[in-house]
Amino acid sequence: MSQIPPLLGDGRGRYRVHIVGNSGAGKSTLGAELASILDVPFIPLDSLFWKPNWTPSTPEEFQDKVTQRLTEDGKGWVVDGDYASDLGDVIMKRRTDVIWLDLPFLLYFPRLVMRTLQGLIGVKNNCPPGCRETLAGVFLSKERSILYWTITHHSPVRRRESENLQRWDVHAGGNMRRIGGWGTELRAWKHAVVAMVRGT
């Protein structure tokens, strides 16, 4: 039985990778790094969905923006985020690989808290263009708080992606793989991707 490569691609050297997982799990960090390795654009969906002052795009606007970005570079892309209820199959019908970043909550949540605090004091803004975290938004709003969202969506996201993995598992002929653990599995996978790209 032949070994499954770290990324499947389309068989012609093009990779269209979709990274999913809970908010704060590190999807954007991994997405930017993977896009650099593959030399393809990185497309963070949050930056396309949110307009200035946290104004959401309509589903039609969002689908148009995402479709345009997905078709700009023939070499492929790396996308992070889900938004399936707004996008339908816009990404699903184009992606060659799905990476479920399923890290332990106790690993990624403290990182998210630190990142959020850095945004509040102006050290580093990780928000979409024209948007900023506020004390009221982070601590007083269930709708706006990334911390509240992450806490309440950890289990639902795991259930959803577990079901998706049963349907699309790369080990059963699909294109989805789960990366979990405390970092060793992720580092090993990224090393394998680099080796694949370099042909070593």
C-alpha atoms as a PDB file:
ATOM      1  CA  MET A   1       0.000   0.000   0.000  1.00  0.00           C
ATOM      2  CA  SER A   2       1.471   3.315  -1.045  1.00  0.00           C
ATOM      3  CA  GLN A   3       1.999   6.014   1.547  1.00  0.00           C
ATOM      4  CA  ILE A   4      -0.466   8.893   1.519  1.00  0.00           C
ATOM      5  CA  PRO A   5       1.330  12.209   0.824  1.00  0.00           C
ATOM      6  CA  PRO A   6       0.917  15.080   3.314  1.00  0.00           C
ATOM      7  CA  LEU A   7      -1.135  16.931   0.671  1.00  0.00           C
ATOM      8  CA  LEU A   8      -3.008  15.352  -2.223  1.00  0.00           C
ATOM      9  CA  GLY A   9      -3.273  18.258  -4.646  1.00  0.00           C
ATOM     10  CA  ASP A  10      -4.946  17.836  -7.999  1.00  0.00           C
ATOM     11  CA  GLY A  11      -2.330  15.486  -9.410  1.00  0.00           C
ATOM     12  CA  ARG A  12      -0.778  18.274 -11.489  1.00  0.00           C
ATOM     13  CA  GLY A  13       1.177  20.050  -8.780  1.00  0.00           C
ATOM     14  CA  ARG A  14      -1.582  22.416  -7.709  1.00  0.00           C
ATOM     15  CA  TYR A  15      -2.812  22.574  -4.130  1.00  0.00           C
ATOM     16  CA  ARG A  16      -6.060  24.142  -2.976  1.00  0.00           C
ATOM     17  CA  VAL A  17      -6.051  23.695   0.775  1.00  0.00           C
ATOM     18  CA  HIS A  18      -8.898  24.444   3.169  1.00  0.00           C
ATOM     19  CA  ILE A  19      -7.996  24.688   6.881  1.00  0.00           C
ATOM     20  CA  VAL A  20     -10.867  24.245   9.336  1.00  0.00           C
ATOM     21  CA  GLY A  21     -11.197  24.170  13.112  1.00  0.00           C
ATOM     22  CA  ASN A  22     -12.370  26.275  16.014  1.00  0.00           C
ATOM     23  CA  SER A  23     -11.677  29.997  16.304  1.00  0.00           C
ATOM     24  CA  GLY A  24      -8.284  30.609  17.874  1.00  0.00           C
ATOM     25  CA  ALA A  25      -6.923  27.150  17.066  1.00  0.00           C
ATOM     26  CA  GLY A  26      -4.160  28.572  14.890  1.00  0.00           C
ATOM     27  CA  LYS A  27      -5.698  28.249  11.434  1.00  0.00           C
ATOM     28  CA  SER A  28      -4.462  31.621  10.204  1.00  0.00           C
ATOM     29  CA  THR A  29      -0.942  31.031  11.472  1.00  0.00           C
ATOM     30  CA  LEU A  30      -0.801  27.628   9.808  1.00  0.00           C
ATOM     31  CA  GLY A  31      -2.468  28.954   6.669  1.00  0.00           C
ATOM     32  CA  ALA A  32       0.057  31.739   6.176  1.00  0.00           C
ATOM     33  CA  GLU A  33       2.956  29.368   6.792  1.00  0.00           C
ATOM     34  CA  LEU A  34       1.581  26.696   4.465  1.00  0.00           C
ATOM     35  CA  ALA A  35       0.885  29.233   1.710  1.00  0.00           C
ATOM     36  CA  SER A  36       4.478  30.402   1.949  1.00  0.00           C
ATOM     37  CA  ILE A  37       5.751  26.826   1.659  1.00  0.00           C
ATOM     38  CA  LEU A  38       3.549  26.139  -1.368  1.00  0.00           C
ATOM     39  CA  ASP A  39       4.120  29.610  -2.889  1.00  0.00           C
ATOM     40  CA  VAL A  40       0.401  30.232  -3.277  1.00  0.00           C
ATOM     41  CA  PRO A  41      -1.905  32.991  -1.943  1.00  0.00           C
ATOM     42  CA  PHE A  42      -3.223  32.802   1.597  1.00  0.00           C
ATOM     43  CA  ILE A  43      -6.914  33.746   1.824  1.00  0.00           C
ATOM     44  CA  PRO A  44      -8.225  34.352   5.361  1.00  0.00           C
ATOM     45  CA  LEU A  45     -11.997  34.281   5.139  1.00  0.00           C
ATOM     46  CA  ASP A  46     -12.484  36.603   8.113  1.00  0.00           C
ATOM     47  CA  SER A  47     -10.885  39.473   6.199  1.00  0.00           C
ATOM     48  CA  LEU A  48     -13.300  38.944   3.317  1.00  0.00           C
ATOM     49  CA  PHE A  49     -16.422  38.508   5.437  1.00  0.00           C
ATOM     50  CA  TRP A  50     -16.030  41.470   7.790  1.00  0.00           C
ATOM     51  CA  LYS A  51     -16.230  45.013   6.500  1.00  0.00           C
ATOM     52  CA  PRO A  52     -15.043  47.980   8.611  1.00  0.00           C
ATOM     53  CA  ASN A  53     -16.571  48.321  12.092  1.00  0.00           C
ATOM     54  CA  TRP A  54     -17.480  44.625  12.148  1.00  0.00           C
ATOM     55  CA  THR A  55     -20.124  44.997   9.471  1.00  0.00           C
ATOM     56  CA  PRO A  56     -20.826  41.565   7.967  1.00  0.00           C
ATOM     57  CA  SER A  57     -20.966  40.991   4.231  1.00  0.00           C
ATOM     58  CA  THR A  58     -24.177  39.634   2.783  1.00  0.00           C
ATOM     59  CA  PRO A  59     -23.948  36.022   1.563  1.00  0.00           C
ATOM     60  CA  GLU A  60     -23.988  37.253  -2.024  1.00  0.00           C
ATOM     61  CA  GLU A  61     -21.196  39.778  -1.432  1.00  0.00           C
ATOM     62  CA  PHE A  62     -19.173  37.204   0.447  1.00  0.00           C
ATOM     63  CA  GLN A  63     -19.546  34.516  -2.203  1.00  0.00           C
ATOM     64  CA  ASP A  64     -18.511  36.947  -4.933  1.00  0.00           C
ATOM     65  CA  LYS A  65     -15.417  38.095  -3.015  1.00  0.00           C
ATOM     66  CA  VAL A  66     -14.336  34.569  -2.152  1.00  0.00           C
ATOM     67  CA  THR A  67     -14.916  33.248  -5.670  1.00  0.00           C
ATOM     68  CA  GLN A  68     -12.818  36.068  -7.100  1.00  0.00           C
ATOM     69  CA  ARG A  69      -9.930  35.327  -4.758  1.00  0.00           C
ATOM     70  CA  LEU A  70     -10.083  31.584  -5.397  1.00  0.00           C
ATOM     71  CA  THR A  71      -9.776  32.071  -9.146  1.00  0.00           C
ATOM     72  CA  GLU A  72      -7.019  34.703  -9.190  1.00  0.00           C
ATOM     73  CA  ASP A  73      -4.034  32.336  -9.063  1.00  0.00           C
ATOM     74  CA  GLY A  74      -3.954  29.146 -11.080  1.00  0.00           C
ATOM     75  CA  LYS A  75      -1.250  27.641  -8.860  1.00  0.00           C
ATOM     76  CA  GLY A  76      -3.696  27.161  -5.996  1.00  0.00           C
ATOM     77  CA  TRP A  77      -4.393  28.708  -2.606  1.00  0.00           C
ATOM     78  CA  VAL A  78      -4.700  28.154   1.122  1.00  0.00           C
ATOM     79  CA  VAL A  79      -7.977  29.225   2.778  1.00  0.00           C
ATOM     80  CA  ASP A  80      -8.699  29.295   6.495  1.00  0.00           C
ATOM     81  CA  GLY A  81     -12.139  29.371   8.077  1.00  0.00           C
ATOM     82  CA  ASP A  82     -15.498  27.742   7.501  1.00  0.00           C
ATOM     83  CA  TYR A  83     -18.516  30.007   6.802  1.00  0.00           C
ATOM     84  CA  ALA A  84     -20.257  27.093   5.090  1.00  0.00           C
ATOM     85  CA  SER A  85     -23.698  28.530   5.847  1.00  0.00           C
ATOM     86  CA  ASP A  86     -22.801  31.646   3.824  1.00  0.00           C
ATOM     87  CA  LEU A  87     -20.572  30.116   1.157  1.00  0.00           C
ATOM     88  CA  GLY A  88     -22.321  26.848   0.392  1.00  0.00           C
ATOM     89  CA  ASP A  89     -20.018  24.755  -1.801  1.00  0.00           C
ATOM     90  CA  VAL A  90     -17.929  27.661  -3.145  1.00  0.00           C
ATOM     91  CA  ILE A  91     -14.796  26.283  -1.454  1.00  0.00           C
ATOM     92  CA  MET A  92     -15.840  22.657  -1.132  1.00  0.00           C
ATOM     93  CA  LYS A  93     -16.147  22.052  -4.869  1.00  0.00           C
ATOM     94  CA  ARG A  94     -12.672  23.498  -5.530  1.00  0.00           C
ATOM     95  CA  ARG A  95     -10.517  22.269  -2.641  1.00  0.00           C
ATOM     96  CA  THR A  96      -8.080  19.412  -3.060  1.00  0.00           C
ATOM     97  CA  ASP A  97      -7.258  19.046   0.637  1.00  0.00           C
ATOM     98  CA  VAL A  98      -8.989  19.716   3.958  1.00  0.00           C
ATOM     99  CA  ILE A  99      -6.894  20.102   7.091  1.00  0.00           C
ATOM    100  CA  TRP A 100      -8.787  19.914  10.373  1.00  0.00           C
ATOM    101  CA  LEU A 101      -6.663  21.613  13.017  1.00  0.00           C
ATOM    102  CA  ASP A 102      -7.939  19.932  16.172  1.00  0.00           C
ATOM    103  CA  LEU A 103      -5.592  21.017  18.937  1.00  0.00           C
ATOM    104  CA  PRO A 104      -6.402  20.685  22.653  1.00  0.00           C
ATOM    105  CA  PHE A 105      -8.463  23.561  24.050  1.00  0.00           C
ATOM    106  CA  LEU A 106      -5.969  24.058  26.880  1.00  0.00           C
ATOM    107  CA  LEU A 107      -3.219  24.586  24.306  1.00  0.00           C
ATOM    108  CA  TYR A 108      -4.813  27.143  22.024  1.00  0.00           C
ATOM    109  CA  PHE A 109      -7.182  29.063  24.296  1.00  0.00           C
ATOM    110  CA  PRO A 110      -4.434  30.702  26.417  1.00  0.00           C
ATOM    111  CA  ARG A 111      -2.777  31.793  23.156  1.00  0.00           C
ATOM    112  CA  LEU A 112      -6.048  33.331  22.021  1.00  0.00           C
ATOM    113  CA  VAL A 113      -6.446  35.186  25.319  1.00  0.00           C
ATOM    114  CA  MET A 114      -2.937  36.632  24.970  1.00  0.00           C
ATOM    115  CA  ARG A 115      -3.544  37.590  21.343  1.00  0.00           C
ATOM    116  CA  THR A 116      -6.818  39.278  22.256  1.00  0.00           C
ATOM    117  CA  LEU A 117      -5.222  41.233  25.087  1.00  0.00           C
ATOM    118  CA  GLN A 118      -2.464  42.366  22.724  1.00  0.00           C
ATOM    119  CA  GLY A 119      -5.147  43.637  20.366  1.00  0.00           C
ATOM    120  CA  LEU A 120      -6.930  45.507  23.137  1.00  0.00           C
ATOM    121  CA  ILE A 121      -3.810  47.402  24.186  1.00  0.00           C
ATOM    122  CA  GLY A 122      -2.739  48.065  20.612  1.00  0.00           C
ATOM    123  CA  VAL A 123       0.354  45.869  20.565  1.00  0.00           C
ATOM    124  CA  LYS A 124      -0.874  43.724  17.680  1.00  0.00           C
ATOM    125  CA  ASN A 125      -4.095  43.928  15.703  1.00  0.00           C
ATOM    126  CA  ASN A 126      -5.200  40.530  14.403  1.00  0.00           C
ATOM    127  CA  CYS A 127      -8.630  41.761  13.332  1.00  0.00           C
ATOM    128  CA  PRO A 128      -9.839  42.241   9.754  1.00  0.00           C
ATOM    129  CA  PRO A 129      -9.045  45.634   8.168  1.00  0.00           C
ATOM    130  CA  GLY A 130     -11.066  48.437   9.722  1.00  0.00           C
ATOM    131  CA  CYS A 131     -12.033  46.357  12.763  1.00  0.00           C
ATOM    132  CA  ARG A 132     -10.664  46.407  16.286  1.00  0.00           C
ATOM    133  CA  GLU A 133     -11.334  44.572  19.509  1.00  0.00           C
ATOM    134  CA  THR A 134     -12.924  46.584  22.313  1.00  0.00           C
ATOM    135  CA  LEU A 135     -13.304  45.819  26.009  1.00  0.00           C
ATOM    136  CA  ALA A 136     -17.078  45.772  25.651  1.00  0.00           C
ATOM    137  CA  GLY A 137     -16.912  43.531  22.621  1.00  0.00           C
ATOM    138  CA  VAL A 138     -14.522  41.039  24.217  1.00  0.00           C
ATOM    139  CA  PHE A 139     -16.008  40.829  27.696  1.00  0.00           C
ATOM    140  CA  LEU A 140     -19.619  42.033  27.524  1.00  0.00           C
ATOM    141  CA  SER A 141     -20.977  40.897  24.162  1.00  0.00           C
ATOM    142  CA  LYS A 142     -21.842  37.274  23.431  1.00  0.00           C
ATOM    143  CA  GLU A 143     -22.190  38.151  19.748  1.00  0.00           C
ATOM    144  CA  ARG A 144     -18.842  39.934  19.442  1.00  0.00           C
ATOM    145  CA  SER A 145     -16.600  38.160  21.956  1.00  0.00           C
ATOM    146  CA  ILE A 146     -14.066  35.893  20.289  1.00  0.00           C
ATOM    147  CA  LEU A 147     -13.371  34.359  23.711  1.00  0.00           C
ATOM    148  CA  TYR A 148     -17.016  33.500  24.348  1.00  0.00           C
ATOM    149  CA  TRP A 149     -17.373  32.164  20.815  1.00  0.00           C
ATOM    150  CA  THR A 150     -14.311  29.946  21.179  1.00  0.00           C
ATOM    151  CA  ILE A 151     -15.410  28.508  24.528  1.00  0.00           C
ATOM    152  CA  THR A 152     -18.935  27.727  23.359  1.00  0.00           C
ATOM    153  CA  HIS A 153     -17.940  26.377  19.929  1.00  0.00           C
ATOM    154  CA  HIS A 154     -15.068  24.049  20.852  1.00  0.00           C
ATOM    155  CA  SER A 155     -17.315  20.999  21.282  1.00  0.00           C
ATOM    156  CA  PRO A 156     -19.775  21.765  18.455  1.00  0.00           C
ATOM    157  CA  VAL A 157     -16.920  22.285  15.991  1.00  0.00           C
ATOM    158  CA  ARG A 158     -15.328  19.010  17.073  1.00  0.00           C
ATOM    159  CA  ARG A 159     -18.604  17.156  16.553  1.00  0.00           C
ATOM    160  CA  ARG A 160     -19.121  18.735  13.130  1.00  0.00           C
ATOM    161  CA  GLU A 161     -15.625  18.058  11.875  1.00  0.00           C
ATOM    162  CA  SER A 162     -15.628  14.532  13.328  1.00  0.00           C
ATOM    163  CA  GLU A 163     -18.691  13.828  11.216  1.00  0.00           C
ATOM    164  CA  ASN A 164     -17.020  15.393   8.178  1.00  0.00           C
ATOM    165  CA  LEU A 165     -13.915  13.284   8.775  1.00  0.00           C
ATOM    166  CA  GLN A 166     -16.006  10.125   8.731  1.00  0.00           C
ATOM    167  CA  ARG A 167     -17.217  11.103   5.262  1.00  0.00           C
ATOM    168  CA  TRP A 168     -14.009  12.503   3.795  1.00  0.00           C
ATOM    169  CA  ASP A 169     -11.145  10.795   5.647  1.00  0.00           C
ATOM    170  CA  VAL A 170      -8.014  10.730   3.489  1.00  0.00           C
ATOM    171  CA  HIS A 171      -7.346   7.188   4.716  1.00  0.00           C
ATOM    172  CA  ALA A 172     -10.667   6.103   3.228  1.00  0.00           C
ATOM    173  CA  GLY A 173     -10.228   7.746  -0.159  1.00  0.00           C
ATOM    174  CA  GLY A 174     -11.285  11.273   0.796  1.00  0.00           C
ATOM    175  CA  ASN A 175      -9.300  14.493   1.060  1.00  0.00           C
ATOM    176  CA  MET A 176      -9.580  15.398   4.765  1.00  0.00           C
ATOM    177  CA  ARG A 177      -7.076  14.765   7.520  1.00  0.00           C
ATOM    178  CA  ARG A 178      -7.074  15.645  11.213  1.00  0.00           C
ATOM    179  CA  ILE A 179      -4.044  17.156  12.935  1.00  0.00           C
ATOM    180  CA  GLY A 180      -4.247  17.057  16.721  1.00  0.00           C
ATOM    181  CA  GLY A 181      -1.949  16.724  19.707  1.00  0.00           C
ATOM    182  CA  TRP A 182       0.191  19.247  21.493  1.00  0.00           C
ATOM    183  CA  GLY A 183       2.417  20.201  18.565  1.00  0.00           C
ATOM    184  CA  THR A 184       4.473  17.162  17.603  1.00  0.00           C
ATOM    185  CA  GLU A 185       1.980  15.946  15.006  1.00  0.00           C
ATOM    186  CA  LEU A 186       1.665  19.396  13.433  1.00  0.00           C
ATOM    187  CA  ARG A 187       5.436  19.889  13.237  1.00  0.00           C
ATOM    188  CA  ALA A 188       5.892  16.453  11.665  1.00  0.00           C
ATOM    189  CA  TRP A 189       3.193  17.170   9.079  1.00  0.00           C
ATOM    190  CA  LYS A 190       4.677  20.545   8.127  1.00  0.00           C
ATOM    191  CA  HIS A 191       8.102  18.921   7.814  1.00  0.00           C
ATOM    192  CA  ALA A 192       6.570  16.331   5.468  1.00  0.00           C
ATOM    193  CA  VAL A 193       4.984  19.090   3.366  1.00  0.00           C
ATOM    194  CA  VAL A 194       8.317  20.896   3.050  1.00  0.00           C
ATOM    195  CA  ALA A 195      10.020  17.645   2.045  1.00  0.00           C
ATOM    196  CA  MET A 196       7.299  16.976  -0.543  1.00  0.00           C
ATOM    197  CA  VAL A 197       7.660  20.435  -2.080  1.00  0.00           C
ATOM    198  CA  ARG A 198      11.436  20.113  -2.216  1.00  0.00           C
ATOM    199  CA  GLY A 199      11.164  16.614  -3.662  1.00  0.00           C
ATOM    200  CA  THR A 200      13.226  15.043  -0.893  1.00  0.00           C
END
